[in-house]
Amino acid sequence: MKVSRRKVLGMLATGAVAGVMGSHHVLAADKDPGALPEPAPGAAGSLVRALKLRQSTRSFSPEPIPRQLLSDLLWAAFGINRPASGKRTAPSAFNSQEIDLYVIMQDGVFVYEPQAHRLNLVTSADVRELAGRQGYVRKAPVNIMYVADYARMKRISPEQKPVLTAANAGCISQNVYLFCALNALGTVVRDGIDRDALARAMSLGKDQHIVLGQSVGYRKS
């Protein structure tokens, strides 16, 4: 099997090169399509280097992201970094942890569960065309939708919720930017979403609100 240079670079950055001859589809597990490997982000580079490399990408290859790399990406975005307290890699007002990461791929829509570090299936339908109005969204192998659950924000007034959820989603999206910068991935945070149509496709509840989307994938050469 021929393996692209981009893929090898991404796998080297996460220590996943040992699996290079296996399946590289994001959800190609035999028994549990939502299972993720243990996160192993390692020391891919310094924060200063990540900031120097950080940029937005709007042209993506459809090449799938290796499973280990996706695992590390989701942990870096909003995973648990302090198991004793359950606190996360990005802040949230009053520790509400109201943002859920909905991951849209060709295989379907999954929601990231940080406590178990896994993806839970929402629908097996391919809804990538609803993930954003920009043409590149359909080509990106991963689109992360930041969804705020206002019901978790018990101590926050209705007027504050939109502002604070936007700020919290911004912190998570910057984690994604910095991770991508160090792992040969492209990304862009964006709006341009038909929120009503996508909310129906993802079976969101009345207290759940789509804040932003973020496309992730290898840059198109």
C-alpha atoms as a PDB file:
ATOM      1  CA  MET A   1       0.000   0.000   0.000  1.00  0.00           C
ATOM      2  CA  LYS A   2       1.368   3.408  -0.911  1.00  0.00           C
ATOM      3  CA  VAL A   3       1.302   5.851   1.984  1.00  0.00           C
ATOM      4  CA  SER A   4       1.434   9.583   1.341  1.00  0.00           C
ATOM      5  CA  ARG A   5       4.105  11.805   2.834  1.00  0.00           C
ATOM      6  CA  ARG A   6       1.415  13.891   4.557  1.00  0.00           C
ATOM      7  CA  LYS A   7       0.037  10.826   6.269  1.00  0.00           C
ATOM      8  CA  VAL A   8       3.447   9.628   7.436  1.00  0.00           C
ATOM      9  CA  LEU A   9       4.261  13.094   8.821  1.00  0.00           C
ATOM     10  CA  GLY A  10       1.026  13.174  10.771  1.00  0.00           C
ATOM     11  CA  MET A  11       1.567   9.672  12.107  1.00  0.00           C
ATOM     12  CA  LEU A  12       5.160  10.345  13.070  1.00  0.00           C
ATOM     13  CA  ALA A  13       4.002  13.376  15.043  1.00  0.00           C
ATOM     14  CA  THR A  14       1.730  11.165  17.168  1.00  0.00           C
ATOM     15  CA  GLY A  15       3.757   7.971  17.296  1.00  0.00           C
ATOM     16  CA  ALA A  16       1.221   6.159  15.127  1.00  0.00           C
ATOM     17  CA  VAL A  17       3.547   5.081  12.322  1.00  0.00           C
ATOM     18  CA  ALA A  18       3.572   1.504  13.569  1.00  0.00           C
ATOM     19  CA  GLY A  19       0.064   1.110  12.190  1.00  0.00           C
ATOM     20  CA  VAL A  20       0.915   2.386   8.729  1.00  0.00           C
ATOM     21  CA  MET A  21      -0.046  -0.833   6.993  1.00  0.00           C
ATOM     22  CA  GLY A  22      -3.434  -1.034   8.690  1.00  0.00           C
ATOM     23  CA  SER A  23      -6.669   0.728   7.870  1.00  0.00           C
ATOM     24  CA  HIS A  24      -6.399   4.523   8.040  1.00  0.00           C
ATOM     25  CA  HIS A  25     -10.078   5.339   7.888  1.00  0.00           C
ATOM     26  CA  VAL A  26     -11.068   7.334  10.937  1.00  0.00           C
ATOM     27  CA  LEU A  27     -13.797   4.936  12.024  1.00  0.00           C
ATOM     28  CA  ALA A  28     -12.594   1.645  10.637  1.00  0.00           C
ATOM     29  CA  ALA A  29     -12.741  -0.346  13.883  1.00  0.00           C
ATOM     30  CA  ASP A  30     -14.039  -3.883  13.424  1.00  0.00           C
ATOM     31  CA  LYS A  31     -16.296  -4.082  16.470  1.00  0.00           C
ATOM     32  CA  ASP A  32     -16.768  -0.631  17.963  1.00  0.00           C
ATOM     33  CA  PRO A  33     -16.791   2.242  15.472  1.00  0.00           C
ATOM     34  CA  GLY A  34     -16.789   4.782  18.280  1.00  0.00           C
ATOM     35  CA  ALA A  35     -13.747   3.504  20.135  1.00  0.00           C
ATOM     36  CA  LEU A  36     -10.656   5.705  20.084  1.00  0.00           C
ATOM     37  CA  PRO A  37      -7.062   4.815  20.978  1.00  0.00           C
ATOM     38  CA  GLU A  38      -5.701   6.276  24.180  1.00  0.00           C
ATOM     39  CA  PRO A  39      -4.595   9.849  23.494  1.00  0.00           C
ATOM     40  CA  ALA A  40      -0.850  10.112  23.051  1.00  0.00           C
ATOM     41  CA  PRO A  41      -0.173  13.646  21.811  1.00  0.00           C
ATOM     42  CA  GLY A  42       3.442  13.528  22.994  1.00  0.00           C
ATOM     43  CA  ALA A  43       5.812  16.452  22.574  1.00  0.00           C
ATOM     44  CA  ALA A  44       5.300  17.386  18.932  1.00  0.00           C
ATOM     45  CA  GLY A  45       6.811  20.844  19.341  1.00  0.00           C
ATOM     46  CA  SER A  46       6.878  24.018  21.382  1.00  0.00           C
ATOM     47  CA  LEU A  47       4.039  26.477  21.848  1.00  0.00           C
ATOM     48  CA  VAL A  48       6.097  29.172  20.132  1.00  0.00           C
ATOM     49  CA  ARG A  49       6.582  26.931  17.098  1.00  0.00           C
ATOM     50  CA  ALA A  50       2.858  26.166  17.015  1.00  0.00           C
ATOM     51  CA  LEU A  51       2.031  29.873  17.081  1.00  0.00           C
ATOM     52  CA  LYS A  52       4.484  30.553  14.264  1.00  0.00           C
ATOM     53  CA  LEU A  53       2.919  27.806  12.142  1.00  0.00           C
ATOM     54  CA  ARG A  54      -0.728  28.540  12.977  1.00  0.00           C
ATOM     55  CA  GLN A  55      -2.805  29.462   9.927  1.00  0.00           C
ATOM     56  CA  SER A  56      -6.218  28.938   8.344  1.00  0.00           C
ATOM     57  CA  THR A  57      -6.629  26.465   5.497  1.00  0.00           C
ATOM     58  CA  ARG A  58      -9.529  26.453   3.044  1.00  0.00           C
ATOM     59  CA  SER A  59      -8.399  23.762   0.629  1.00  0.00           C
ATOM     60  CA  PHE A  60      -8.481  20.185   1.894  1.00  0.00           C
ATOM     61  CA  SER A  61      -7.564  16.762   0.612  1.00  0.00           C
ATOM     62  CA  PRO A  62     -10.284  14.144   1.173  1.00  0.00           C
ATOM     63  CA  GLU A  63      -7.608  11.829   2.590  1.00  0.00           C
ATOM     64  CA  PRO A  64      -8.847  10.401   5.927  1.00  0.00           C
ATOM     65  CA  ILE A  65      -7.166  11.329   9.184  1.00  0.00           C
ATOM     66  CA  PRO A  66      -5.532   8.347  10.948  1.00  0.00           C
ATOM     67  CA  ARG A  67      -7.437   7.126  13.962  1.00  0.00           C
ATOM     68  CA  GLN A  68      -4.674   7.863  16.474  1.00  0.00           C
ATOM     69  CA  LEU A  69      -4.339  11.390  15.151  1.00  0.00           C
ATOM     70  CA  LEU A  70      -8.083  11.969  15.500  1.00  0.00           C
ATOM     71  CA  SER A  71      -7.930  10.662  19.060  1.00  0.00           C
ATOM     72  CA  ASP A  72      -5.124  13.059  19.937  1.00  0.00           C
ATOM     73  CA  LEU A  73      -6.872  15.945  18.203  1.00  0.00           C
ATOM     74  CA  LEU A  74     -10.108  15.538  20.155  1.00  0.00           C
ATOM     75  CA  TRP A  75      -8.258  15.214  23.445  1.00  0.00           C
ATOM     76  CA  ALA A  76      -6.251  18.362  22.683  1.00  0.00           C
ATOM     77  CA  ALA A  77      -9.425  20.212  21.715  1.00  0.00           C
ATOM     78  CA  PHE A  78     -11.505  19.589  24.837  1.00  0.00           C
ATOM     79  CA  GLY A  79     -10.392  16.401  26.526  1.00  0.00           C
ATOM     80  CA  ILE A  80      -9.850  15.792  30.218  1.00  0.00           C
ATOM     81  CA  ASN A  81      -6.368  16.806  31.347  1.00  0.00           C
ATOM     82  CA  ARG A  82      -7.005  16.536  35.093  1.00  0.00           C
ATOM     83  CA  PRO A  83      -8.753  13.205  35.715  1.00  0.00           C
ATOM     84  CA  ALA A  84      -9.211  13.773  39.456  1.00  0.00           C
ATOM     85  CA  SER A  85     -11.436  16.793  38.853  1.00  0.00           C
ATOM     86  CA  GLY A  86     -12.670  16.054  35.330  1.00  0.00           C
ATOM     87  CA  LYS A  87     -11.425  19.443  34.156  1.00  0.00           C
ATOM     88  CA  ARG A  88     -10.532  20.035  30.559  1.00  0.00           C
ATOM     89  CA  THR A  89      -7.916  21.356  28.131  1.00  0.00           C
ATOM     90  CA  ALA A  90      -9.977  24.527  27.509  1.00  0.00           C
ATOM     91  CA  PRO A  91     -11.811  26.783  29.975  1.00  0.00           C
ATOM     92  CA  SER A  92     -15.538  27.260  30.410  1.00  0.00           C
ATOM     93  CA  ALA A  93     -17.434  29.796  32.506  1.00  0.00           C
ATOM     94  CA  PHE A  94     -18.190  28.418  35.982  1.00  0.00           C
ATOM     95  CA  ASN A  95     -16.786  25.114  34.696  1.00  0.00           C
ATOM     96  CA  SER A  96     -20.087  24.521  32.926  1.00  0.00           C
ATOM     97  CA  GLN A  97     -18.410  22.404  30.232  1.00  0.00           C
ATOM     98  CA  GLU A  98     -21.409  23.193  28.065  1.00  0.00           C
ATOM     99  CA  ILE A  99     -19.691  22.713  24.699  1.00  0.00           C
ATOM    100  CA  ASP A 100     -20.060  19.338  22.975  1.00  0.00           C
ATOM    101  CA  LEU A 101     -17.936  18.407  19.970  1.00  0.00           C
ATOM    102  CA  TYR A 102     -20.040  16.889  17.187  1.00  0.00           C
ATOM    103  CA  VAL A 103     -17.741  15.253  14.657  1.00  0.00           C
ATOM    104  CA  ILE A 104     -19.095  15.052  11.108  1.00  0.00           C
ATOM    105  CA  MET A 105     -17.447  12.654   8.693  1.00  0.00           C
ATOM    106  CA  GLN A 106     -18.383  10.508   5.732  1.00  0.00           C
ATOM    107  CA  ASP A 107     -19.206   7.697   8.174  1.00  0.00           C
ATOM    108  CA  GLY A 108     -21.811   9.792   9.961  1.00  0.00           C
ATOM    109  CA  VAL A 109     -22.153  12.150  12.921  1.00  0.00           C
ATOM    110  CA  PHE A 110     -20.564  11.339  16.269  1.00  0.00           C
ATOM    111  CA  VAL A 111     -20.416  13.226  19.551  1.00  0.00           C
ATOM    112  CA  TYR A 112     -17.174  13.176  21.515  1.00  0.00           C
ATOM    113  CA  GLU A 113     -17.505  11.831  25.051  1.00  0.00           C
ATOM    114  CA  PRO A 114     -14.416  13.036  26.942  1.00  0.00           C
ATOM    115  CA  GLN A 115     -15.043  10.986  30.108  1.00  0.00           C
ATOM    116  CA  ALA A 116     -14.742   7.712  28.184  1.00  0.00           C
ATOM    117  CA  HIS A 117     -12.642   9.278  25.401  1.00  0.00           C
ATOM    118  CA  ARG A 118     -14.783   7.845  22.640  1.00  0.00           C
ATOM    119  CA  LEU A 119     -17.148   8.846  19.863  1.00  0.00           C
ATOM    120  CA  ASN A 120     -20.836   8.065  20.261  1.00  0.00           C
ATOM    121  CA  LEU A 121     -22.835   7.585  17.084  1.00  0.00           C
ATOM    122  CA  VAL A 122     -25.607  10.120  16.486  1.00  0.00           C
ATOM    123  CA  THR A 123     -26.506   9.123  12.927  1.00  0.00           C
ATOM    124  CA  SER A 124     -24.822   7.095  10.225  1.00  0.00           C
ATOM    125  CA  ALA A 125     -26.101   9.518   7.557  1.00  0.00           C
ATOM    126  CA  ASP A 126     -23.551  11.543   5.607  1.00  0.00           C
ATOM    127  CA  VAL A 127     -24.578  15.131   6.429  1.00  0.00           C
ATOM    128  CA  ARG A 128     -21.377  16.880   5.374  1.00  0.00           C
ATOM    129  CA  GLU A 129     -23.287  19.071   2.926  1.00  0.00           C
ATOM    130  CA  LEU A 130     -25.120  20.572   5.919  1.00  0.00           C
ATOM    131  CA  ALA A 131     -21.953  21.221   7.929  1.00  0.00           C
ATOM    132  CA  GLY A 132     -21.255  24.496   6.117  1.00  0.00           C
ATOM    133  CA  ARG A 133     -22.095  26.484   3.007  1.00  0.00           C
ATOM    134  CA  GLN A 134     -18.456  26.754   1.899  1.00  0.00           C
ATOM    135  CA  GLY A 135     -17.432  24.318  -0.832  1.00  0.00           C
ATOM    136  CA  TYR A 136     -14.357  23.054   1.020  1.00  0.00           C
ATOM    137  CA  VAL A 137     -16.476  21.794   3.923  1.00  0.00           C
ATOM    138  CA  ARG A 138     -17.704  18.806   1.900  1.00  0.00           C
ATOM    139  CA  LYS A 139     -14.117  17.823   1.041  1.00  0.00           C
ATOM    140  CA  ALA A 140     -12.638  18.061   4.525  1.00  0.00           C
ATOM    141  CA  PRO A 141     -12.550  14.593   6.133  1.00  0.00           C
ATOM    142  CA  VAL A 142     -13.516  16.000   9.546  1.00  0.00           C
ATOM    143  CA  ASN A 143     -15.833  18.840  10.500  1.00  0.00           C
ATOM    144  CA  ILE A 144     -16.140  19.607  14.194  1.00  0.00           C
ATOM    145  CA  MET A 145     -19.301  21.436  15.228  1.00  0.00           C
ATOM    146  CA  TYR A 146     -19.223  23.217  18.580  1.00  0.00           C
ATOM    147  CA  VAL A 147     -22.637  22.795  20.189  1.00  0.00           C
ATOM    148  CA  ALA A 148     -23.536  24.577  23.422  1.00  0.00           C
ATOM    149  CA  ASP A 149     -26.038  23.020  25.815  1.00  0.00           C
ATOM    150  CA  TYR A 150     -27.567  25.970  27.642  1.00  0.00           C
ATOM    151  CA  ALA A 151     -29.191  23.634  30.189  1.00  0.00           C
ATOM    152  CA  ARG A 152     -25.765  23.054  31.763  1.00  0.00           C
ATOM    153  CA  MET A 153     -25.211  26.770  32.331  1.00  0.00           C
ATOM    154  CA  LYS A 154     -27.152  26.922  35.577  1.00  0.00           C
ATOM    155  CA  ARG A 155     -25.349  29.930  37.065  1.00  0.00           C
ATOM    156  CA  ILE A 156     -25.313  32.066  33.934  1.00  0.00           C
ATOM    157  CA  SER A 157     -27.985  34.529  32.844  1.00  0.00           C
ATOM    158  CA  PRO A 158     -29.741  34.092  29.469  1.00  0.00           C
ATOM    159  CA  GLU A 159     -28.117  37.301  28.214  1.00  0.00           C
ATOM    160  CA  GLN A 160     -24.607  36.026  28.977  1.00  0.00           C
ATOM    161  CA  LYS A 161     -24.952  32.559  27.472  1.00  0.00           C
ATOM    162  CA  PRO A 162     -24.374  33.418  23.771  1.00  0.00           C
ATOM    163  CA  VAL A 163     -21.314  35.533  24.587  1.00  0.00           C
ATOM    164  CA  LEU A 164     -19.720  33.022  26.939  1.00  0.00           C
ATOM    165  CA  THR A 165     -20.379  30.015  24.708  1.00  0.00           C
ATOM    166  CA  ALA A 166     -18.762  31.882  21.802  1.00  0.00           C
ATOM    167  CA  ALA A 167     -15.731  32.653  23.972  1.00  0.00           C
ATOM    168  CA  ASN A 168     -15.488  29.066  25.185  1.00  0.00           C
ATOM    169  CA  ALA A 169     -15.805  27.649  21.651  1.00  0.00           C
ATOM    170  CA  GLY A 170     -13.070  30.058  20.569  1.00  0.00           C
ATOM    171  CA  CYS A 171     -10.713  28.664  23.199  1.00  0.00           C
ATOM    172  CA  ILE A 172     -11.381  25.107  22.011  1.00  0.00           C
ATOM    173  CA  SER A 173     -10.942  26.043  18.366  1.00  0.00           C
ATOM    174  CA  GLN A 174      -7.550  27.601  19.122  1.00  0.00           C
ATOM    175  CA  ASN A 175      -6.471  24.324  20.737  1.00  0.00           C
ATOM    176  CA  VAL A 176      -7.383  22.653  17.450  1.00  0.00           C
ATOM    177  CA  TYR A 177      -5.438  25.257  15.465  1.00  0.00           C
ATOM    178  CA  LEU A 178      -2.290  24.737  17.524  1.00  0.00           C
ATOM    179  CA  PHE A 179      -2.542  20.961  17.409  1.00  0.00           C
ATOM    180  CA  CYS A 180      -2.998  21.034  13.644  1.00  0.00           C
ATOM    181  CA  ALA A 181      -0.053  23.385  13.228  1.00  0.00           C
ATOM    182  CA  LEU A 182       2.252  20.835  14.857  1.00  0.00           C
ATOM    183  CA  ASN A 183       0.790  17.775  13.151  1.00  0.00           C
ATOM    184  CA  ALA A 184       0.834  18.610   9.435  1.00  0.00           C
ATOM    185  CA  LEU A 185      -2.915  19.272   9.356  1.00  0.00           C
ATOM    186  CA  GLY A 186      -4.901  22.200   8.005  1.00  0.00           C
ATOM    187  CA  THR A 187      -7.892  23.738   9.736  1.00  0.00           C
ATOM    188  CA  VAL A 188     -10.217  26.740   9.673  1.00  0.00           C
ATOM    189  CA  VAL A 189     -12.877  27.886  12.116  1.00  0.00           C
ATOM    190  CA  ARG A 190     -15.991  29.212  10.423  1.00  0.00           C
ATOM    191  CA  ASP A 191     -19.624  30.167  10.426  1.00  0.00           C
ATOM    192  CA  GLY A 192     -21.749  29.916   7.262  1.00  0.00           C
ATOM    193  CA  ILE A 193     -23.950  27.156   8.707  1.00  0.00           C
ATOM    194  CA  ASP A 194     -27.635  26.409   8.125  1.00  0.00           C
ATOM    195  CA  ARG A 195     -28.149  25.887  11.838  1.00  0.00           C
ATOM    196  CA  ASP A 196     -31.785  24.797  11.664  1.00  0.00           C
ATOM    197  CA  ALA A 197     -31.171  22.105   9.036  1.00  0.00           C
ATOM    198  CA  LEU A 198     -28.033  20.837  10.738  1.00  0.00           C
ATOM    199  CA  ALA A 199     -29.676  20.814  14.177  1.00  0.00           C
ATOM    200  CA  ARG A 200     -32.436  18.598  12.796  1.00  0.00           C
ATOM    201  CA  ALA A 201     -29.933  16.270  11.137  1.00  0.00           C
ATOM    202  CA  MET A 202     -27.995  15.961  14.408  1.00  0.00           C
ATOM    203  CA  SER A 203     -31.197  15.561  16.495  1.00  0.00           C
ATOM    204  CA  LEU A 204     -30.328  18.469  18.790  1.00  0.00           C
ATOM    205  CA  GLY A 205     -32.576  19.379  21.699  1.00  0.00           C
ATOM    206  CA  LYS A 206     -34.200  22.735  22.407  1.00  0.00           C
ATOM    207  CA  ASP A 207     -31.367  23.822  24.722  1.00  0.00           C
ATOM    208  CA  GLN A 208     -28.603  22.917  22.265  1.00  0.00           C
ATOM    209  CA  HIS A 209     -27.215  25.649  20.011  1.00  0.00           C
ATOM    210  CA  ILE A 210     -24.626  25.369  17.222  1.00  0.00           C
ATOM    211  CA  VAL A 211     -21.953  27.974  17.922  1.00  0.00           C
ATOM    212  CA  LEU A 212     -19.264  27.444  15.271  1.00  0.00           C
ATOM    213  CA  GLY A 213     -17.837  24.861  12.922  1.00  0.00           C
ATOM    214  CA  GLN A 214     -14.218  23.908  12.263  1.00  0.00           C
ATOM    215  CA  SER A 215     -12.963  21.929   9.275  1.00  0.00           C
ATOM    216  CA  VAL A 216      -9.877  19.732   9.668  1.00  0.00           C
ATOM    217  CA  GLY A 217      -7.840  17.697   7.192  1.00  0.00           C
ATOM    218  CA  TYR A 218      -4.634  17.467   5.241  1.00  0.00           C
ATOM    219  CA  ARG A 219      -3.967  20.513   3.102  1.00  0.00           C
ATOM    220  CA  LYS A 220      -4.603  19.982  -0.588  1.00  0.00           C
ATOM    221  CA  SER A 221      -1.284  20.033  -2.431  1.00  0.00           C
END
